[in-house]
Every structure is written in structure tokens, then in C-alpha cells.
N, C-alpha and C. Protein backbone atom coordinates (compact mmCIF):
# COMPACT_ATOMS: atom_id res chain seq x y z
N MET A 1 81.07 272.73 194.02
CA MET A 1 82.17 272.57 193.83
C MET A 1 82.90 272.94 195.39
N LYS A 2 81.88 273.53 196.23
CA LYS A 2 82.41 274.23 197.59
C LYS A 2 82.13 272.58 198.61
N HIS A 3 81.41 272.19 198.27
CA HIS A 3 80.78 271.07 198.56
C HIS A 3 81.76 269.85 198.28
N LYS A 4 81.64 269.70 196.94
CA LYS A 4 83.42 268.85 196.17
C LYS A 4 84.18 268.94 197.63
N LYS A 5 85.15 269.85 197.62
CA LYS A 5 86.03 270.42 197.95
C LYS A 5 86.50 270.02 199.50
N LEU A 6 85.00 270.03 200.33
CA LEU A 6 84.99 270.02 201.10
C LEU A 6 85.30 268.71 202.10
N VAL A 7 84.09 268.24 201.18
CA VAL A 7 84.10 266.44 200.98
C VAL A 7 85.53 265.81 201.04
N ILE A 8 86.21 266.22 200.43
CA ILE A 8 87.87 265.90 199.74
C ILE A 8 88.47 265.93 200.78
N ILE A 9 88.45 267.20 201.67
CA ILE A 9 89.23 267.28 202.36
C ILE A 9 88.62 266.77 204.13
N ILE A 10 87.05 266.36 203.98
CA ILE A 10 87.37 265.72 204.93
C ILE A 10 87.79 264.28 204.84
N MET A 11 87.15 263.80 203.33
CA MET A 11 87.84 262.33 203.23
C MET A 11 89.51 262.46 203.81
N THR A 12 89.93 263.56 203.22
CA THR A 12 91.14 263.30 203.11
C THR A 12 91.79 263.20 204.75
N ILE A 13 91.20 263.79 205.62
CA ILE A 13 91.35 264.25 207.13
C ILE A 13 91.23 263.02 207.46
N SER A 14 90.25 262.40 207.13
CA SER A 14 89.83 260.69 207.61
C SER A 14 90.85 259.89 207.61
N PHE A 15 91.39 259.94 206.17
CA PHE A 15 92.19 259.28 205.23
C PHE A 15 93.72 258.70 206.50
N ILE A 16 93.71 260.60 206.46
CA ILE A 16 95.03 260.84 207.78
C ILE A 16 94.95 259.86 208.56
N LEU A 17 93.56 260.30 209.48
CA LEU A 17 93.84 259.74 211.06
C LEU A 17 93.45 258.55 211.28
N ILE A 18 92.67 257.70 210.25
CA ILE A 18 92.88 256.10 209.99
C ILE A 18 94.26 255.82 210.30
N ILE A 19 95.00 255.95 208.95
CA ILE A 19 96.80 255.92 209.08
C ILE A 19 97.13 256.03 209.95
N SER A 20 97.10 257.15 210.95
CA SER A 20 98.08 257.58 212.12
C SER A 20 97.53 256.63 213.39
N GLY A 21 96.49 256.07 212.83
CA GLY A 21 96.11 255.40 214.06
C GLY A 21 95.97 254.19 213.89
N GLY A 22 96.41 253.63 212.57
CA GLY A 22 96.56 252.33 212.79
C GLY A 22 98.34 251.98 212.72
N VAL A 23 98.62 253.06 213.06
CA VAL A 23 100.56 252.96 212.73
C VAL A 23 100.76 253.23 214.06
N SER A 24 99.94 253.57 214.87
CA SER A 24 99.96 254.09 216.75
C SER A 24 99.77 253.00 216.90
N LEU A 25 98.35 252.10 216.62
CA LEU A 25 98.43 250.95 217.49
C LEU A 25 99.49 249.59 216.92
N PHE A 26 100.01 250.12 215.74
CA PHE A 26 100.86 249.02 215.36
C PHE A 26 102.03 249.17 215.88
N VAL A 27 102.61 250.21 216.55
CA VAL A 27 103.56 250.40 217.64
C VAL A 27 103.32 250.53 218.56
N LEU A 28 102.08 250.31 219.36
CA LEU A 28 101.89 250.28 220.50
C LEU A 28 101.87 248.52 220.94
N GLY A 29 101.62 248.16 219.98
CA GLY A 29 101.48 246.60 219.45
C GLY A 29 102.49 245.83 219.87
N LEU A 30 104.28 246.35 218.83
CA LEU A 30 105.19 246.03 218.85
C LEU A 30 105.39 246.35 220.21
N GLN A 31 105.54 247.60 220.71
CA GLN A 31 105.79 247.46 222.40
C GLN A 31 105.72 246.72 223.27
N GLU A 32 104.16 246.38 223.01
CA GLU A 32 103.80 245.63 223.97
C GLU A 32 104.40 244.19 224.00
N ASP A 33 105.13 243.77 222.47
CA ASP A 33 105.61 242.36 222.15
C ASP A 33 106.93 242.18 222.64
N ARG A 34 107.74 243.48 222.87
CA ARG A 34 109.11 243.18 223.05
C ARG A 34 108.94 243.61 224.60
N ASN A 35 107.95 244.02 225.00
CA ASN A 35 108.09 244.36 226.47
C ASN A 35 107.70 242.77 226.93
N ALA A 36 106.47 242.03 226.24
CA ALA A 36 106.18 240.65 226.42
C ALA A 36 107.84 239.84 226.44
N VAL A 37 108.81 239.91 225.75
CA VAL A 37 109.59 239.36 225.00
C VAL A 37 110.66 239.75 226.41
N TYR A 38 110.88 240.40 226.80
CA TYR A 38 111.89 241.19 227.63
C TYR A 38 111.73 239.95 229.45
N ASN A 39 109.99 240.62 229.36
CA ASN A 39 109.57 239.90 230.47
C ASN A 39 109.71 238.63 230.85
N ARG A 40 109.91 238.21 229.74
CA ARG A 40 109.88 236.69 229.37
C ARG A 40 111.42 235.87 229.32
N ILE A 41 112.10 237.18 228.93
CA ILE A 41 113.99 236.09 228.98
C ILE A 41 114.13 236.72 230.56
N THR A 42 113.50 237.58 231.47
CA THR A 42 113.54 237.95 232.70
C THR A 42 113.05 236.54 233.47
N ASP A 43 112.08 236.02 232.87
CA ASP A 43 111.41 234.31 234.02
C ASP A 43 112.89 233.30 233.34
N VAL A 44 113.16 233.21 232.52
CA VAL A 44 113.96 232.53 231.63
C VAL A 44 115.26 232.41 232.93
N ASN A 45 115.74 233.92 232.78
CA ASN A 45 117.06 234.09 233.80
C ASN A 45 116.98 233.56 235.28
N ASN A 46 115.56 233.64 235.88
CA ASN A 46 115.35 233.45 237.10
C ASN A 46 114.80 232.14 237.04
N GLU A 47 113.78 231.53 236.14
CA GLU A 47 113.78 230.26 236.68
C GLU A 47 115.85 229.10 236.17
N PHE A 48 116.33 229.99 235.28
CA PHE A 48 117.54 229.15 235.36
C PHE A 48 118.14 229.23 236.26
N GLU A 49 118.70 230.74 236.99
CA GLU A 49 118.76 230.84 238.60
C GLU A 49 118.84 229.67 239.30
N THR A 50 117.08 229.62 239.65
CA THR A 50 116.64 228.42 240.34
C THR A 50 116.99 227.39 239.84
N PHE A 51 116.86 226.91 238.77
CA PHE A 51 117.13 225.06 238.22
C PHE A 51 119.14 225.25 238.93
N SER A 52 119.88 226.46 238.30
CA SER A 52 121.08 225.92 238.49
C SER A 52 122.01 225.67 240.07
N THR A 53 121.06 226.74 241.02
CA THR A 53 121.21 226.16 242.24
C THR A 53 120.41 225.21 242.72
N ASN A 54 119.61 224.20 241.90
CA ASN A 54 118.66 222.53 242.76
C ASN A 54 120.25 222.41 242.05
N THR A 55 120.71 222.43 240.84
CA THR A 55 121.59 221.54 240.50
C THR A 55 122.93 221.32 241.61
N THR A 56 123.23 222.60 242.01
CA THR A 56 124.36 223.00 242.96
C THR A 56 123.62 221.78 244.12
N ILE A 57 122.73 221.66 244.60
CA ILE A 57 122.49 221.17 245.96
C ILE A 57 122.53 219.82 245.29
N PHE A 58 122.13 219.41 244.40
CA PHE A 58 122.08 217.86 243.74
C PHE A 58 123.74 217.26 243.70
N GLU A 59 124.57 218.54 243.49
CA GLU A 59 126.04 217.73 243.12
C GLU A 59 126.34 217.66 244.67
N GLU A 60 126.10 218.29 245.53
CA GLU A 60 126.65 218.71 246.73
C GLU A 60 126.18 217.05 247.56
N LYS A 61 124.29 216.94 246.87
CA LYS A 61 124.12 215.79 247.81
C LYS A 61 124.82 214.62 247.55
N ARG A 62 125.12 214.64 245.80
CA ARG A 62 125.43 213.29 245.23
C ARG A 62 126.98 212.74 245.98
N ASP A 63 127.99 214.18 245.85
CA ASP A 63 129.17 214.28 246.65
C ASP A 63 129.09 213.46 248.33
N GLU A 64 127.92 213.90 249.21
CA GLU A 64 128.20 213.48 250.66
C GLU A 64 127.65 212.19 250.27
N LEU A 65 126.62 211.57 249.55
CA LEU A 65 126.87 209.97 249.79
C LEU A 65 127.93 209.11 249.47
N TYR A 66 128.59 209.69 248.49
CA TYR A 66 129.77 209.04 248.06
C TYR A 66 130.83 209.17 248.67
N ASN A 67 131.02 210.43 249.44
CA ASN A 67 131.96 210.58 250.50
C ASN A 67 131.58 209.62 251.82
N ASN A 68 130.66 210.14 252.32
CA ASN A 68 129.65 209.01 253.45
C ASN A 68 129.18 208.10 253.18
N ILE A 69 128.76 207.53 252.22
CA ILE A 69 127.74 206.32 252.15
C ILE A 69 128.51 205.07 251.40
N LEU A 70 127.99 205.52 250.43
CA LEU A 70 128.24 204.51 249.43
C LEU A 70 129.87 204.02 249.15
N THR A 71 130.85 205.25 249.11
CA THR A 71 132.17 204.13 249.47
C THR A 71 132.78 203.43 250.86
N ASN A 72 131.73 203.48 251.63
CA ASN A 72 131.90 203.14 252.88
C ASN A 72 131.50 201.88 252.77
N MET A 73 130.33 201.49 252.15
CA MET A 73 129.69 199.85 252.49
C MET A 73 130.52 199.13 252.82
N TYR A 74 130.29 198.45 253.76
CA TYR A 74 130.99 196.69 254.12
C TYR A 74 129.52 196.00 254.19
N TYR A 75 129.79 194.59 253.99
CA TYR A 75 129.29 193.61 254.11
C TYR A 75 128.79 193.70 255.18
N GLU A 76 129.55 193.76 257.12
CA GLU A 76 129.55 193.47 258.12
C GLU A 76 128.42 194.92 258.60
N THR A 77 128.30 195.73 258.20
CA THR A 77 127.17 196.86 258.24
C THR A 77 126.42 197.38 257.43
N MET A 78 126.02 196.73 256.44
CA MET A 78 125.04 196.97 255.14
C MET A 78 123.66 196.66 256.09
N LYS A 79 123.43 195.44 256.83
CA LYS A 79 122.20 195.83 257.12
C LYS A 79 121.58 196.38 258.36
N GLN A 80 122.51 197.08 259.09
CA GLN A 80 122.38 198.21 260.16
C GLN A 80 122.26 199.27 259.78
N GLU A 81 123.02 199.77 258.59
CA GLU A 81 122.74 200.85 257.75
C GLU A 81 121.73 201.46 256.75
N ASP A 82 120.95 200.06 256.37
CA ASP A 82 120.59 199.64 255.67
C ASP A 82 119.01 200.78 255.51
N GLN A 83 118.62 201.15 256.59
CA GLN A 83 117.15 202.19 257.29
C GLN A 83 117.95 203.50 256.57
N LYS A 84 119.11 203.60 257.19
CA LYS A 84 119.84 205.27 256.79
C LYS A 84 120.14 205.32 255.73
N VAL A 85 120.75 204.13 254.66
CA VAL A 85 121.01 204.65 253.82
C VAL A 85 119.68 204.63 252.71
N LYS A 86 118.94 203.97 252.70
CA LYS A 86 117.38 204.22 252.49
C LYS A 86 117.49 206.06 252.07
N GLU A 87 117.16 205.91 253.53
CA GLU A 87 116.69 207.56 254.07
C GLU A 87 117.61 208.81 253.05
N GLU A 88 118.51 208.14 252.68
CA GLU A 88 119.48 209.48 252.05
C GLU A 88 119.29 209.31 250.89
N LEU A 89 119.08 207.71 250.13
CA LEU A 89 118.68 207.68 248.70
C LEU A 89 117.45 208.41 248.42
N SER A 90 116.63 208.21 249.39
CA SER A 90 115.25 208.78 249.24
C SER A 90 115.52 210.41 249.03
N LYS A 91 116.26 210.67 250.14
CA LYS A 91 116.32 212.92 249.92
C LYS A 91 116.75 213.09 248.44
N TYR A 92 118.15 212.31 248.26
CA TYR A 92 118.69 211.94 247.07
C TYR A 92 117.48 212.38 245.26
N GLU A 93 116.93 211.17 245.99
CA GLU A 93 115.46 211.11 244.78
C GLU A 93 114.87 212.47 244.84
N LYS A 94 114.55 212.57 245.73
CA LYS A 94 113.47 214.24 245.85
C LYS A 94 114.28 215.25 245.66
N LEU A 95 115.58 215.00 245.03
CA LEU A 95 116.17 216.34 244.55
C LEU A 95 116.36 216.29 243.06
N VAL A 96 115.93 215.00 242.92
CA VAL A 96 115.67 215.18 241.07
C VAL A 96 114.45 215.01 241.32
N ASP A 97 113.61 215.08 241.78
CA ASP A 97 112.38 215.74 241.53
C ASP A 97 111.98 217.29 241.04
N VAL A 98 112.50 217.77 242.55
CA VAL A 98 112.68 219.20 242.19
C VAL A 98 113.37 219.81 241.00
N LEU A 99 114.07 218.82 240.52
CA LEU A 99 115.15 220.09 239.48
C LEU A 99 113.91 218.85 237.99
N THR A 100 113.62 217.67 238.39
CA THR A 100 112.51 218.00 237.43
C THR A 100 111.41 218.61 236.71
N LYS A 101 110.87 219.27 238.29
CA LYS A 101 110.02 220.46 238.00
C LYS A 101 110.17 221.46 237.90
N ASN A 102 111.84 221.88 237.80
CA ASN A 102 112.33 223.47 236.83
C ASN A 102 112.64 222.56 235.98
N ALA A 103 113.13 221.37 235.12
CA ALA A 103 113.22 221.59 234.09
C ALA A 103 112.15 221.60 233.16
N LYS A 104 110.92 221.40 233.79
CA LYS A 104 109.29 221.92 233.05
C LYS A 104 109.06 222.67 233.19
N SER A 105 109.44 223.69 234.08
CA SER A 105 109.32 225.14 233.75
C SER A 105 110.33 225.86 233.04
N MET A 106 111.67 225.28 232.63
CA MET A 106 111.95 225.66 231.15
C MET A 106 111.53 225.58 230.31
N ASP A 107 111.20 224.07 230.24
CA ASP A 107 110.37 223.71 228.94
C ASP A 107 109.53 224.91 228.21
N LYS A 108 108.65 225.15 229.39
CA LYS A 108 108.13 225.82 229.47
C LYS A 108 108.06 227.52 228.74
N LEU A 109 109.14 227.81 229.07
CA LEU A 109 109.49 228.96 228.92
C LEU A 109 110.20 229.10 227.28
N CYS A 110 111.12 227.77 226.91
CA CYS A 110 112.27 227.63 225.57
C CYS A 110 111.75 227.07 224.57
N THR A 111 110.75 226.17 224.65
CA THR A 111 110.40 225.51 223.95
C THR A 111 109.75 225.85 222.19
N ASP A 112 110.86 226.04 221.74
CA ASP A 112 110.12 226.09 220.20
C ASP A 112 109.82 228.04 220.11
N VAL A 113 111.30 228.90 221.22
CA VAL A 113 111.27 230.12 220.80
C VAL A 113 112.50 230.96 220.98
N TYR A 114 113.21 231.29 220.56
CA TYR A 114 114.21 231.78 219.90
C TYR A 114 114.33 233.56 220.58
N TYR A 115 115.04 233.49 221.28
CA TYR A 115 115.32 234.91 222.19
C TYR A 115 116.55 235.86 221.23
N PRO A 116 116.33 236.91 221.57
CA PRO A 116 116.95 237.97 220.77
C PRO A 116 118.31 237.97 222.16
N ASP A 117 118.71 237.63 222.83
CA ASP A 117 119.61 237.45 223.92
C ASP A 117 120.28 236.29 223.49
N SER A 118 121.36 235.94 223.11
CA SER A 118 122.30 234.82 222.86
C SER A 118 122.68 234.05 224.69
N LYS A 119 122.59 234.56 225.32
CA LYS A 119 122.80 234.36 226.73
C LYS A 119 121.54 233.15 226.85
N VAL A 120 120.21 233.94 226.43
CA VAL A 120 119.44 233.24 227.63
C VAL A 120 118.98 231.89 226.06
N ASN A 121 119.46 232.36 224.81
CA ASN A 121 118.85 230.89 223.98
C ASN A 121 120.49 229.90 224.38
N THR A 122 121.42 230.06 225.46
CA THR A 122 122.20 228.91 225.65
C THR A 122 121.86 228.64 226.86
N LYS A 123 121.28 229.20 227.42
CA LYS A 123 120.51 228.87 228.73
C LYS A 123 119.55 227.72 228.26
N CYS A 124 118.38 227.94 227.34
CA CYS A 124 117.91 227.39 227.14
C CYS A 124 117.88 225.76 226.12
N VAL A 125 119.30 225.54 225.98
CA VAL A 125 120.01 224.84 225.46
C VAL A 125 120.77 223.61 226.48
N ASN A 126 121.24 224.47 227.13
CA ASN A 126 122.15 223.63 228.67
C ASN A 126 121.56 222.86 229.25
N TYR A 127 120.10 223.81 229.75
CA TYR A 127 119.44 223.20 230.91
C TYR A 127 119.16 221.94 230.55
N LYS A 128 118.94 221.73 228.91
CA LYS A 128 118.49 220.02 228.94
C LYS A 128 119.37 219.21 229.05
N SER A 129 120.70 219.14 228.96
CA SER A 129 121.92 218.77 228.92
C SER A 129 122.34 218.18 230.34
N ILE A 130 121.66 219.55 231.04
CA ILE A 130 122.43 219.24 232.41
C ILE A 130 121.10 218.45 233.74
N TYR A 131 119.99 218.40 233.45
CA TYR A 131 118.82 217.65 233.59
C TYR A 131 118.67 215.88 233.29
N GLU A 132 119.36 215.94 232.12
CA GLU A 132 119.58 214.39 231.31
C GLU A 132 121.00 213.89 232.00
N GLN A 133 121.75 214.46 232.37
CA GLN A 133 122.94 214.46 233.56
C GLN A 133 122.69 213.56 235.16
N VAL A 134 122.15 215.33 235.35
CA VAL A 134 121.14 214.83 237.26
C VAL A 134 120.64 213.36 236.84
N VAL A 135 119.95 212.97 235.96
CA VAL A 135 118.52 212.02 236.34
C VAL A 135 119.94 210.84 235.58
N ASN A 136 120.47 210.79 234.56
CA ASN A 136 121.10 209.53 234.61
C ASN A 136 122.36 209.63 235.77
N TYR A 137 122.94 210.05 236.42
CA TYR A 137 123.81 210.22 237.47
C TYR A 137 123.05 209.18 238.27
N PHE A 138 121.88 210.05 239.08
CA PHE A 138 121.10 209.02 240.08
C PHE A 138 120.53 207.61 240.19
N ILE A 139 120.39 207.71 238.25
CA ILE A 139 119.67 206.12 238.05
C ILE A 139 121.26 205.46 238.32
N SER A 140 121.99 205.64 237.56
CA SER A 140 123.54 205.35 237.93
C SER A 140 123.73 204.74 239.50
N ASP A 141 123.83 205.53 240.27
CA ASP A 141 124.05 205.81 241.36
C ASP A 141 123.30 204.32 242.20
N ILE A 142 121.70 204.43 241.98
CA ILE A 142 121.07 203.61 242.37
C ILE A 142 121.38 202.31 241.95
N ASN A 143 122.13 202.17 240.37
CA ASN A 143 122.48 200.74 240.07
C ASN A 143 123.61 200.27 240.50
N VAL A 144 123.99 201.74 240.79
CA VAL A 144 125.83 200.97 241.86
C VAL A 144 124.91 200.29 243.21
N TYR A 145 124.38 201.13 244.00
CA TYR A 145 124.01 200.83 245.54
C TYR A 145 123.36 199.57 245.25
N ASN A 146 122.28 198.99 244.46
CA ASN A 146 121.61 197.45 244.12
C ASN A 146 122.89 196.53 243.64
N LYS A 147 123.55 197.08 242.62
CA LYS A 147 124.72 196.04 242.74
C LYS A 147 125.33 195.30 244.02
N ASN A 148 125.77 196.29 244.49
CA ASN A 148 126.32 195.76 246.06
C ASN A 148 125.30 195.05 247.01
N VAL A 149 123.92 195.45 246.98
CA VAL A 149 122.80 194.72 247.41
C VAL A 149 122.81 193.44 247.42
N LYS A 150 122.90 193.08 245.76
CA LYS A 150 122.52 191.83 245.29
C LYS A 150 123.81 190.90 245.61
N GLU A 151 124.99 191.58 245.55
CA GLU A 151 125.88 190.81 245.95
C GLU A 151 126.03 190.94 247.60
N TYR A 152 125.44 191.70 248.52
CA TYR A 152 125.64 191.04 249.70
C TYR A 152 124.54 190.44 250.02
N ASN A 153 123.64 190.09 249.31
CA ASN A 153 122.59 189.09 249.41
C ASN A 153 122.63 187.66 248.98
N LYS A 154 123.50 187.72 247.90
CA LYS A 154 124.41 186.36 247.35
C LYS A 154 125.40 186.06 248.76
N GLU A 155 125.56 186.86 249.06
CA GLU A 155 126.98 185.88 250.50
C GLU A 155 125.75 185.79 251.24
N GLN A 156 124.96 186.13 251.55
CA GLN A 156 124.30 185.85 252.87
C GLN A 156 123.45 184.16 252.80
N ASN A 157 123.96 183.93 251.17
CA ASN A 157 123.30 182.26 251.56
C ASN A 157 121.49 182.64 251.72
N ASP A 158 120.87 183.21 251.16
CA ASP A 158 119.35 183.32 251.30
C ASP A 158 119.28 183.16 253.13
N ASN A 159 119.73 183.23 253.75
CA ASN A 159 119.45 183.73 255.03
C ASN A 159 117.96 184.94 254.87
N LYS A 160 117.35 184.87 255.20
CA LYS A 160 115.94 186.26 255.07
C LYS A 160 116.14 187.56 256.42
N ASP A 161 116.86 186.89 257.62
CA ASP A 161 116.99 188.03 258.53
C ASP A 161 117.84 188.76 257.78
N LYS A 162 119.46 189.00 257.26
CA LYS A 162 120.01 189.06 256.95
C LYS A 162 120.22 190.03 255.61
N MET A 163 119.02 189.60 254.99
CA MET A 163 119.30 189.93 253.61
C MET A 163 118.51 191.43 253.70
N ILE A 164 118.67 192.33 252.83
CA ILE A 164 118.02 193.55 252.56
C ILE A 164 117.60 193.76 251.35
N GLU A 165 116.35 194.43 251.09
CA GLU A 165 116.07 195.10 249.34
C GLU A 165 116.82 196.08 248.91
N GLU A 166 116.64 195.96 247.59
CA GLU A 166 116.98 197.11 246.81
C GLU A 166 116.09 198.10 247.29
N TYR A 167 117.05 199.59 246.50
CA TYR A 167 116.86 200.64 246.66
C TYR A 167 115.48 201.02 245.43
N LYS A 168 114.85 200.93 245.52
CA LYS A 168 112.90 200.95 244.36
C LYS A 168 112.89 202.50 244.09
N THR A 169 112.58 202.92 242.80
CA THR A 169 112.78 203.75 241.72
C THR A 169 111.97 203.38 240.39
N ASN A 170 111.47 204.58 240.20
CA ASN A 170 110.67 204.54 238.71
C ASN A 170 111.13 204.96 237.59
N LYS A 171 111.96 206.21 238.28
CA LYS A 171 112.92 206.79 236.97
C LYS A 171 113.49 205.38 236.30
N LYS A 172 113.80 206.18 234.94
CA LYS A 172 114.85 205.53 234.02
C LYS A 172 116.11 206.54 233.19
N TYR A 173 116.61 205.75 232.45
CA TYR A 173 117.35 206.52 231.86
C TYR A 173 117.36 207.38 230.90
N ILE A 174 117.64 208.71 230.63
CA ILE A 174 116.89 209.63 229.93
C ILE A 174 117.60 209.74 228.55
N ASP A 175 117.38 210.32 227.76
CA ASP A 175 117.74 211.41 226.47
C ASP A 175 116.99 212.46 226.03
N TYR A 176 117.62 213.34 227.42
CA TYR A 176 116.08 214.31 227.56
C TYR A 176 116.27 215.36 226.18
N ASN A 177 117.79 215.95 226.02
CA ASN A 177 118.08 216.66 225.20
C ASN A 177 118.27 216.23 223.17
N ASN A 178 117.49 214.96 223.14
CA ASN A 178 117.38 214.04 221.99
C ASN A 178 118.54 214.16 221.52
N ASP A 179 119.86 213.74 221.63
CA ASP A 179 121.27 214.03 221.47
C ASP A 179 121.67 212.36 220.93
N LYS A 180 120.67 211.45 221.16
CA LYS A 180 120.68 210.43 220.69
C LYS A 180 122.17 209.49 221.24
N THR A 181 122.56 210.58 222.56
CA THR A 181 123.52 209.78 223.86
C THR A 181 122.89 210.17 225.23
N TYR A 182 123.36 209.63 226.35
CA TYR A 182 122.92 209.22 227.91
C TYR A 182 123.94 210.19 228.44
N ASP A 183 123.60 211.37 228.25
CA ASP A 183 124.82 212.19 229.04
C ASP A 183 124.60 212.12 230.78
N GLY A 184 125.66 211.22 231.41
CA GLY A 184 125.84 211.00 232.50
C GLY A 184 125.37 209.93 233.02
N LYS A 185 124.89 208.25 232.13
CA LYS A 185 125.19 207.77 232.26
C LYS A 185 126.29 206.91 232.32
N GLU A 186 126.85 206.24 234.20
CA GLU A 186 127.72 205.73 233.87
C GLU A 186 127.70 203.65 234.11
N GLU A 187 127.53 203.45 233.01
CA GLU A 187 127.72 202.02 232.84
C GLU A 187 128.10 201.45 231.60
């Protein structure tokens, strides 16, 4: 009887220790998960800040292109200005490439994730539309430039010495946020 009582006491203590150990592990796991989520929220905020900064740089470059180059294109100077214009367009395209890398980083942080912070969820939705606009603005701008080049070349009456090449890019219009519209497409 004493032996049975001792076994029951030991089993009860063991059961209590096992349950408390399981609860402790569960609570620690929840704390780790919570910390991981808040670290990811910080990552989203930091990456979106970088994305926003690079978007502002893109917008400034676009304004500069329109104010200094694209609105001041004249047939008389297109050939002389061609190299400079192509260099500026190349710099412009590199800004799109930087934003593409930023968008891919945001994809990793935001795809199929819902955060407990509504501001972060808004950022995870908005960057897609912003990125789509950036790429589509770029393509529209290149198309405008290339249209001017075509018209210029047509005026040259096949004089190969005066003709210039269009700006080449492998980028295409995109619907990055899959809403069936092309935000930023200006045609």
C-alpha cells in the first residue's frame, strides 16, 4: 500500500512536470514566433523605406529627363545629342533595375504573409502597384523617345550618316499586382 501510494505520488509529480515542461515549451515557442514576426515587420519597414527612397530617385530622374532632354529634342541636334541622351536613358534604366531588386526583396517578405500590423500589410500591397507604375512609365518613356527617333530617321531620307538608333531595352509592360490593368502605361 505504501508502495502504491509512493508510485502514485511519483507518477503525479512526473505528470505535472511533463505538463509544465510542455506548457513552457509552448510559451517559449510562441515568444520565438512573436519575435520572428516582429523582426520580419522591421525588415518589411526597412526594405519599404529603401524602396520608397529609390522610387523618389527614379521620379527625380524622370523629371530631369523630361525637363532637360525629352522635351528639348529637336531634329537639328538629335544626332549631336544622341550619345548623351542614350547615356541618360541607360542611367534611367539602371534605376528601374535597382527597383526590380527592391521589389524582389519585398516579394520575399510579403508573399502569402499577413502581418498583425495593418501599416505593414498596406506596404505589402502598395509596393506592387508602385513598382508596376515605375516599369510602365519607363517603357512608355522609351517608346516616346523611340517614336521621336523613328520620325527623325524618316526625315533623313535614308541618309545613313545622319540616322540614329532607337534605345534598346528588354523590359516590357507589366501587370505586377495582377489587377488586369497596367498602372503607369501612358499609351
